Amino acid sequence: MEQRLTIKLMDTHAGGDVSRIVLNGITPLPGASVRDQMHYLRDDADGLRNLLLFEPYGIPEMSVDLIVPATDPDAVAGYIIMEVMGYPIYSGSNTICTATAVLEAGIVPKQEGTQHFVLESPAGRVNIEAQVENGVVEAITCEGLPSYIDTHLATIHVPGLGNVTYSVAYSGGFYALVDATELGFQLTLDEERALAECAHKIVEAIQAERGFSHYTLGDVGPLPFLHFMGPVEQIADDFYRSRSTTYVHPGVICRSTTGTGTSARLALMHHEGKLKPGDRLETVSLRETGFIGKLTGVRQKGSHQVAENTITGKGYVLANSEIVINCDDPMVECSGLRHILQDDQPPR
């Protein structure tokens, strides 16, 4: 008799980036905070990420968000983010998708108009504003992490490319920011593969040359992200627009411009005197989707000017499903996974 192990999912996307929300099927994880639960998942149960991001169930371009109990008394739910590069402590697109999912799944009852609630990410509490019209979640605004510029206009020699000028921001992960035009890109969809190959070379070169340390978090690992910046167009006195593309190492060009990429861009534009608090920037992807970042304030933290910001986008539900996990299937790797699956289904 074979035990039937299942996981209930809601597949969503924001700006084209698919986030697979795990609603149930996973046992409670140990940890006094969502960050602690993330560390347990990363160190002792990475099989869930591998199962849902790779064949036969998924692809590396997706993300996975596991809903877990919040430890913050004000939060309605916690969530752990899983991507091909590992376990980022924050993501704007994943937060937009998770906020949409908790509303669509009834974890938070929908209210017409504007409603507010709190989620708990591995980075801490996140204030959410949802706009609901006729029962449809039309927009989610979430707090971006406080962002700052670590490095401004450095130069590195990249094999096959020559000297490349880049800046580095922290916005939930360390981002290299490069001028797309200087590298010969217009940021159109037909350039997607070339963008990935170019970004791979730059990130490899930066990782080989240096590391980065957050002013409170310390070492958060090698730089995993690169953001291609297109020219900036001013739409109104306080509103700007720019084509943009985010790369995740190794090998993934995001479908959306990403929330953390947009936050990094806000921090850089403020650092260069091109944005002031209250200004907004819409980043537009290769697929013509966009997020709107707003610079809400600036504060000094040691030697860094920290940009406080919000990200607004819309999440869409793609599917509600229940996947069946058969550990006898040679395509399915259950190591690092079986001990966190809820084994309460009747045999068949």
Foldseek 3Di string as FASTA:
>chain_A
DAFWQKWWWWWKFWLQAIEIETDDQFAAADDLAQLRSLVCCQPQFVQVLVQCCDPPHHHQSHKYWYWHAGNPPQALIEIWIAHPVGTQQDWQGNVQQVVQVCPVVVSPDDDAAWDWGWYQTSVGIKIWIFHADPNFGAKIKIWWAWKWWPAAFDWFQFVPQGIFTWTWMDTSAIETEGEQVVSPDPQAPVCVQVVLVVVQRVQVRDQVPDADADPPRGGPDRHFKYKHWYDWDDPDPQEIETEMWMDGPPRHIHSANIPSNLLRVVNVCVVVVNHDAQHKYWYAHNVRGTKIKGFHDWDDDPPIIITIIMIMTHMGTDDIDMDIDDCVPPRRPCRSPPVGGDRDGDDD
